[in-house]
N, C-alpha and C. Protein backbone atom coordinates (compact mmCIF):
# COMPACT_ATOMS: atom_id res chain seq x y z
N UNK A 1 0.83 -1.20 0.00
CA UNK A 1 0.00 0.00 0.00
C UNK A 1 0.87 1.25 0.00
N UNK A 2 0.42 2.25 -0.69
CA UNK A 2 1.12 3.52 -0.72
C UNK A 2 0.72 4.37 0.47
N UNK A 3 1.63 5.19 1.00
CA UNK A 3 1.27 6.07 2.12
C UNK A 3 0.10 6.97 1.73
N UNK A 4 -0.86 7.11 2.64
CA UNK A 4 -2.01 7.97 2.40
C UNK A 4 -3.12 7.33 1.60
N UNK A 5 -2.92 6.09 1.14
CA UNK A 5 -3.96 5.41 0.36
C UNK A 5 -4.75 4.51 1.31
N UNK A 6 -6.06 4.67 1.31
CA UNK A 6 -6.90 3.87 2.19
C UNK A 6 -7.07 2.45 1.65
N UNK A 7 -7.06 1.50 2.56
CA UNK A 7 -7.28 0.11 2.22
C UNK A 7 -8.77 -0.17 2.33
N UNK A 8 -9.32 -0.89 1.37
CA UNK A 8 -10.73 -1.23 1.40
C UNK A 8 -11.04 -2.09 2.62
N UNK A 9 -12.19 -1.80 3.25
CA UNK A 9 -12.60 -2.56 4.42
C UNK A 9 -14.12 -2.74 4.39
N UNK A 10 -14.56 -3.84 4.98
CA UNK A 10 -15.98 -4.16 5.03
C UNK A 10 -16.42 -4.23 6.49
N UNK A 11 -17.53 -3.55 6.82
CA UNK A 11 -18.04 -3.65 8.18
C UNK A 11 -18.56 -5.07 8.40
N UNK A 12 -18.08 -5.71 9.47
CA UNK A 12 -18.48 -7.09 9.74
C UNK A 12 -19.33 -7.21 11.00
N UNK A 13 -19.40 -6.13 11.80
CA UNK A 13 -20.22 -6.17 13.02
C UNK A 13 -20.51 -4.76 13.49
N UNK A 14 -21.70 -4.57 14.04
CA UNK A 14 -22.07 -3.30 14.64
C UNK A 14 -22.97 -3.60 15.83
N UNK A 15 -22.72 -2.91 16.94
CA UNK A 15 -23.56 -3.12 18.11
C UNK A 15 -23.08 -2.31 19.28
N UNK A 16 -23.66 -2.60 20.43
CA UNK A 16 -23.29 -1.91 21.66
C UNK A 16 -21.90 -2.38 22.07
N UNK A 17 -21.03 -1.45 22.51
CA UNK A 17 -19.68 -1.87 22.94
C UNK A 17 -19.75 -2.87 24.09
N UNK A 18 -18.86 -3.85 24.05
CA UNK A 18 -18.85 -4.87 25.10
C UNK A 18 -17.68 -4.70 26.07
N UNK A 19 -16.78 -3.77 25.81
CA UNK A 19 -15.64 -3.55 26.70
C UNK A 19 -16.11 -3.02 28.05
N UNK A 20 -15.40 -3.40 29.10
CA UNK A 20 -15.73 -2.91 30.44
C UNK A 20 -15.44 -1.41 30.50
N UNK A 21 -16.38 -0.68 31.05
CA UNK A 21 -16.21 0.76 31.23
C UNK A 21 -16.79 1.09 32.60
N UNK A 22 -15.95 1.64 33.48
CA UNK A 22 -16.38 1.99 34.83
C UNK A 22 -17.67 2.81 34.76
N UNK A 23 -18.71 2.35 35.42
CA UNK A 23 -19.99 3.05 35.39
C UNK A 23 -20.87 2.67 34.21
N UNK A 24 -20.36 1.84 33.32
CA UNK A 24 -21.13 1.41 32.15
C UNK A 24 -21.06 2.39 31.00
N UNK A 25 -21.51 1.96 29.85
CA UNK A 25 -21.49 2.78 28.64
C UNK A 25 -22.66 3.75 28.65
N UNK A 26 -22.41 5.00 28.29
CA UNK A 26 -23.53 5.94 28.13
C UNK A 26 -24.45 5.47 27.01
N UNK A 27 -25.70 5.86 27.09
CA UNK A 27 -26.69 5.49 26.08
C UNK A 27 -26.28 5.99 24.70
N UNK A 28 -26.46 5.15 23.70
CA UNK A 28 -26.27 5.58 22.32
C UNK A 28 -24.90 5.32 21.70
N UNK A 29 -23.92 4.88 22.48
CA UNK A 29 -22.61 4.58 21.91
C UNK A 29 -22.69 3.30 21.09
N UNK A 30 -21.91 3.25 20.00
CA UNK A 30 -21.88 2.09 19.13
C UNK A 30 -20.43 1.68 18.87
N UNK A 31 -20.27 0.42 18.55
CA UNK A 31 -18.96 -0.09 18.15
C UNK A 31 -19.13 -0.77 16.80
N UNK A 32 -18.15 -0.59 15.94
CA UNK A 32 -18.16 -1.24 14.63
C UNK A 32 -16.82 -1.93 14.41
N UNK A 33 -16.88 -3.10 13.81
CA UNK A 33 -15.68 -3.83 13.41
C UNK A 33 -15.61 -3.83 11.89
N UNK A 34 -14.44 -3.52 11.39
CA UNK A 34 -14.20 -3.53 9.94
C UNK A 34 -13.07 -4.49 9.64
N UNK A 35 -13.22 -5.29 8.60
CA UNK A 35 -12.16 -6.20 8.18
C UNK A 35 -11.56 -5.67 6.89
N UNK A 36 -10.23 -5.51 6.91
CA UNK A 36 -9.53 -5.04 5.72
C UNK A 36 -9.56 -6.12 4.64
N UNK A 37 -9.77 -5.70 3.40
CA UNK A 37 -9.94 -6.69 2.33
C UNK A 37 -8.85 -6.67 1.28
N UNK A 38 -7.85 -5.80 1.44
CA UNK A 38 -6.78 -5.79 0.45
C UNK A 38 -5.48 -5.31 1.09
N UNK A 39 -4.42 -5.40 0.34
CA UNK A 39 -3.11 -4.95 0.81
C UNK A 39 -2.44 -5.94 1.73
N UNK A 40 -1.31 -5.51 2.28
CA UNK A 40 -0.53 -6.38 3.18
C UNK A 40 -1.28 -6.72 4.46
N UNK A 41 -2.24 -5.88 4.83
CA UNK A 41 -2.97 -6.11 6.08
C UNK A 41 -4.35 -6.72 5.86
N UNK A 42 -4.59 -7.30 4.69
CA UNK A 42 -5.87 -7.94 4.40
C UNK A 42 -6.19 -8.96 5.49
N UNK A 43 -7.43 -8.94 5.96
CA UNK A 43 -7.85 -9.84 7.02
C UNK A 43 -7.79 -9.23 8.40
N UNK A 44 -7.02 -8.15 8.57
CA UNK A 44 -6.92 -7.48 9.86
C UNK A 44 -8.26 -6.83 10.20
N UNK A 45 -8.63 -6.87 11.47
CA UNK A 45 -9.88 -6.26 11.92
C UNK A 45 -9.58 -4.98 12.69
N UNK A 46 -10.28 -3.90 12.33
CA UNK A 46 -10.16 -2.63 13.02
C UNK A 46 -11.43 -2.39 13.84
N UNK A 47 -11.26 -1.83 15.05
CA UNK A 47 -12.38 -1.53 15.93
C UNK A 47 -12.51 -0.02 16.05
N UNK A 48 -13.74 0.48 15.97
CA UNK A 48 -14.00 1.90 16.15
C UNK A 48 -15.22 2.07 17.04
N UNK A 49 -15.20 3.10 17.87
CA UNK A 49 -16.30 3.42 18.75
C UNK A 49 -16.88 4.76 18.32
N UNK A 50 -18.21 4.89 18.37
CA UNK A 50 -18.89 6.09 17.91
C UNK A 50 -19.80 6.63 19.00
N UNK A 51 -19.77 7.94 19.17
CA UNK A 51 -20.67 8.61 20.11
C UNK A 51 -22.07 8.64 19.52
N UNK A 52 -23.06 9.02 20.32
CA UNK A 52 -24.41 9.16 19.77
C UNK A 52 -24.48 10.18 18.62
N UNK A 53 -23.56 11.15 18.60
CA UNK A 53 -23.54 12.17 17.54
C UNK A 53 -22.64 11.76 16.37
N UNK A 54 -22.06 10.55 16.43
CA UNK A 54 -21.27 10.04 15.32
C UNK A 54 -19.78 10.33 15.34
N UNK A 55 -19.27 10.86 16.44
CA UNK A 55 -17.82 11.10 16.52
C UNK A 55 -17.11 9.76 16.69
N UNK A 56 -16.02 9.59 15.96
CA UNK A 56 -15.33 8.29 15.86
C UNK A 56 -14.07 8.28 16.72
N UNK A 57 -13.86 7.19 17.44
CA UNK A 57 -12.68 7.00 18.28
C UNK A 57 -12.00 5.70 17.88
N UNK A 58 -10.69 5.73 17.85
CA UNK A 58 -9.91 4.58 17.38
C UNK A 58 -9.38 3.68 18.49
N UNK A 59 -9.51 4.12 19.74
CA UNK A 59 -9.00 3.30 20.85
C UNK A 59 -9.82 3.54 22.10
N UNK A 60 -9.77 2.60 23.02
CA UNK A 60 -10.45 2.76 24.30
C UNK A 60 -9.80 3.87 25.12
N UNK A 61 -8.51 4.12 24.93
CA UNK A 61 -7.86 5.24 25.62
C UNK A 61 -8.54 6.54 25.21
N UNK A 62 -8.78 6.71 23.91
CA UNK A 62 -9.46 7.91 23.43
C UNK A 62 -10.88 7.99 24.00
N UNK A 63 -11.59 6.87 24.00
CA UNK A 63 -12.96 6.84 24.53
C UNK A 63 -12.96 7.28 25.99
N UNK A 64 -12.10 6.68 26.80
CA UNK A 64 -12.07 7.01 28.23
C UNK A 64 -11.68 8.47 28.45
N UNK A 65 -10.71 8.97 27.69
CA UNK A 65 -10.31 10.37 27.83
C UNK A 65 -11.47 11.31 27.50
N UNK A 66 -12.19 11.01 26.42
CA UNK A 66 -13.29 11.88 26.04
C UNK A 66 -14.43 11.82 27.06
N UNK A 67 -14.77 10.63 27.53
CA UNK A 67 -15.84 10.51 28.52
C UNK A 67 -15.46 11.24 29.81
N UNK A 68 -14.21 11.17 30.19
CA UNK A 68 -13.74 11.90 31.37
C UNK A 68 -13.87 13.41 31.14
N UNK A 69 -13.50 13.85 29.95
CA UNK A 69 -13.60 15.27 29.59
C UNK A 69 -15.06 15.72 29.58
N UNK A 70 -15.96 14.86 29.12
CA UNK A 70 -17.39 15.21 29.06
C UNK A 70 -17.97 15.50 30.43
N UNK A 71 -17.43 14.86 31.48
CA UNK A 71 -17.95 15.08 32.83
C UNK A 71 -17.87 16.55 33.23
N UNK A 72 -16.87 17.25 32.70
CA UNK A 72 -16.70 18.67 33.02
C UNK A 72 -17.81 19.52 32.40
N UNK A 73 -18.54 18.96 31.44
CA UNK A 73 -19.57 19.69 30.71
C UNK A 73 -20.94 19.02 30.85
N UNK A 74 -21.20 18.47 32.03
CA UNK A 74 -22.49 17.83 32.31
C UNK A 74 -22.86 16.77 31.28
N UNK A 75 -21.85 16.09 30.76
CA UNK A 75 -22.02 15.03 29.77
C UNK A 75 -22.66 15.52 28.47
N UNK A 76 -22.48 16.80 28.17
CA UNK A 76 -22.96 17.38 26.91
C UNK A 76 -21.87 17.17 25.86
N UNK A 77 -22.11 16.23 24.95
CA UNK A 77 -21.10 15.86 23.96
C UNK A 77 -20.65 17.04 23.10
N UNK A 78 -21.60 17.82 22.59
CA UNK A 78 -21.24 18.95 21.72
C UNK A 78 -20.43 19.99 22.47
N UNK A 79 -20.84 20.34 23.67
CA UNK A 79 -20.13 21.34 24.46
C UNK A 79 -18.73 20.85 24.81
N UNK A 80 -18.62 19.57 25.17
CA UNK A 80 -17.31 19.01 25.51
C UNK A 80 -16.39 19.03 24.30
N UNK A 81 -16.93 18.69 23.12
CA UNK A 81 -16.12 18.65 21.90
C UNK A 81 -15.64 20.05 21.53
N UNK A 82 -16.53 21.03 21.62
CA UNK A 82 -16.18 22.42 21.27
C UNK A 82 -15.17 23.00 22.24
N UNK A 83 -15.11 22.48 23.44
CA UNK A 83 -14.22 23.01 24.47
C UNK A 83 -13.06 22.08 24.76
N UNK A 84 -12.41 21.63 23.71
CA UNK A 84 -11.18 20.85 23.87
C UNK A 84 -11.34 19.35 23.82
N UNK A 85 -12.46 18.86 23.38
CA UNK A 85 -12.67 17.41 23.33
C UNK A 85 -11.67 16.70 22.44
N UNK A 86 -11.32 17.33 21.31
CA UNK A 86 -10.34 16.72 20.41
C UNK A 86 -8.99 16.61 21.10
N UNK A 87 -8.63 17.63 21.87
CA UNK A 87 -7.35 17.60 22.60
C UNK A 87 -7.37 16.51 23.67
N UNK A 88 -8.55 16.22 24.22
CA UNK A 88 -8.66 15.18 25.25
C UNK A 88 -8.26 13.82 24.69
N UNK A 89 -8.38 13.65 23.38
CA UNK A 89 -8.03 12.38 22.76
C UNK A 89 -6.53 12.13 22.81
N UNK A 90 -5.76 13.19 22.90
CA UNK A 90 -4.30 13.05 22.83
C UNK A 90 -3.64 12.95 24.20
N UNK A 91 -4.42 13.15 25.27
CA UNK A 91 -3.85 13.08 26.61
C UNK A 91 -3.60 11.64 27.00
N UNK A 92 -2.66 11.47 27.92
CA UNK A 92 -2.40 10.14 28.46
C UNK A 92 -3.56 9.76 29.38
N UNK A 93 -3.85 8.46 29.49
CA UNK A 93 -4.93 8.03 30.38
C UNK A 93 -4.61 8.37 31.83
N UNK A 94 -5.65 8.56 32.65
CA UNK A 94 -5.41 8.87 34.06
C UNK A 94 -4.76 7.69 34.77
N UNK A 95 -4.07 7.95 35.91
CA UNK A 95 -3.46 6.84 36.66
C UNK A 95 -4.54 5.93 37.23
N UNK A 96 -4.11 4.72 37.60
CA UNK A 96 -5.09 3.79 38.18
C UNK A 96 -5.44 4.23 39.60
N UNK A 97 -6.28 3.45 40.27
CA UNK A 97 -6.80 3.82 41.58
C UNK A 97 -5.70 4.04 42.62
N UNK A 98 -4.59 3.35 42.48
CA UNK A 98 -3.50 3.49 43.45
C UNK A 98 -2.57 4.65 43.10
N UNK A 99 -2.83 5.32 41.99
CA UNK A 99 -2.01 6.47 41.61
C UNK A 99 -0.85 6.13 40.70
N UNK A 100 -0.69 4.86 40.37
CA UNK A 100 0.41 4.46 39.48
C UNK A 100 -0.01 4.69 38.04
N UNK A 101 0.94 5.04 37.18
CA UNK A 101 0.56 5.18 35.77
C UNK A 101 0.14 3.82 35.21
N UNK A 102 -0.73 3.82 34.20
CA UNK A 102 -1.16 2.55 33.62
C UNK A 102 0.01 1.78 33.01
N UNK A 103 -0.09 0.46 33.08
CA UNK A 103 0.96 -0.38 32.51
C UNK A 103 0.99 -0.23 30.99
N UNK A 104 2.19 -0.29 30.43
CA UNK A 104 2.33 -0.22 28.98
C UNK A 104 2.22 -1.61 28.40
N UNK A 105 1.63 -1.69 27.21
CA UNK A 105 1.58 -2.96 26.50
C UNK A 105 2.89 -3.16 25.77
N UNK A 106 3.36 -4.37 25.77
CA UNK A 106 4.59 -4.70 25.06
C UNK A 106 4.23 -5.68 23.96
N UNK A 107 4.56 -5.31 22.73
CA UNK A 107 4.30 -6.21 21.61
C UNK A 107 5.42 -7.23 21.52
N UNK A 108 5.03 -8.45 21.32
CA UNK A 108 6.02 -9.51 21.16
C UNK A 108 5.74 -10.25 19.87
N UNK A 109 6.77 -10.83 19.32
CA UNK A 109 6.57 -11.62 18.11
C UNK A 109 6.86 -13.08 18.43
N UNK A 110 6.19 -13.91 17.73
CA UNK A 110 6.34 -15.36 17.92
C UNK A 110 7.10 -15.93 16.74
N UNK A 111 8.02 -16.78 17.04
CA UNK A 111 8.65 -17.46 15.93
C UNK A 111 10.06 -17.19 15.86
């Protein structure tokens, strides 16, 4: 694939997110799975989460950051987005309950 060229993908599932979220998922959030159908990554599945207003998030870190940011605006999605919601996506996740930073994932290869 060339840089900047999108790989074709097919939506293979849509529904309510099943990931654990402290306090549960707010009403109206959706999750979609897409399977890539061409290129070197054919067969790979991508997960995306969508707000009730259709804003797209690529990771649970982004989802949690935005939901935390929304609390400052009485859970008003539009107001939160207009007042720095996009920047909230780039922040590091909050520390865990004991105050330690979250553990980093380490990718390993087999073989």
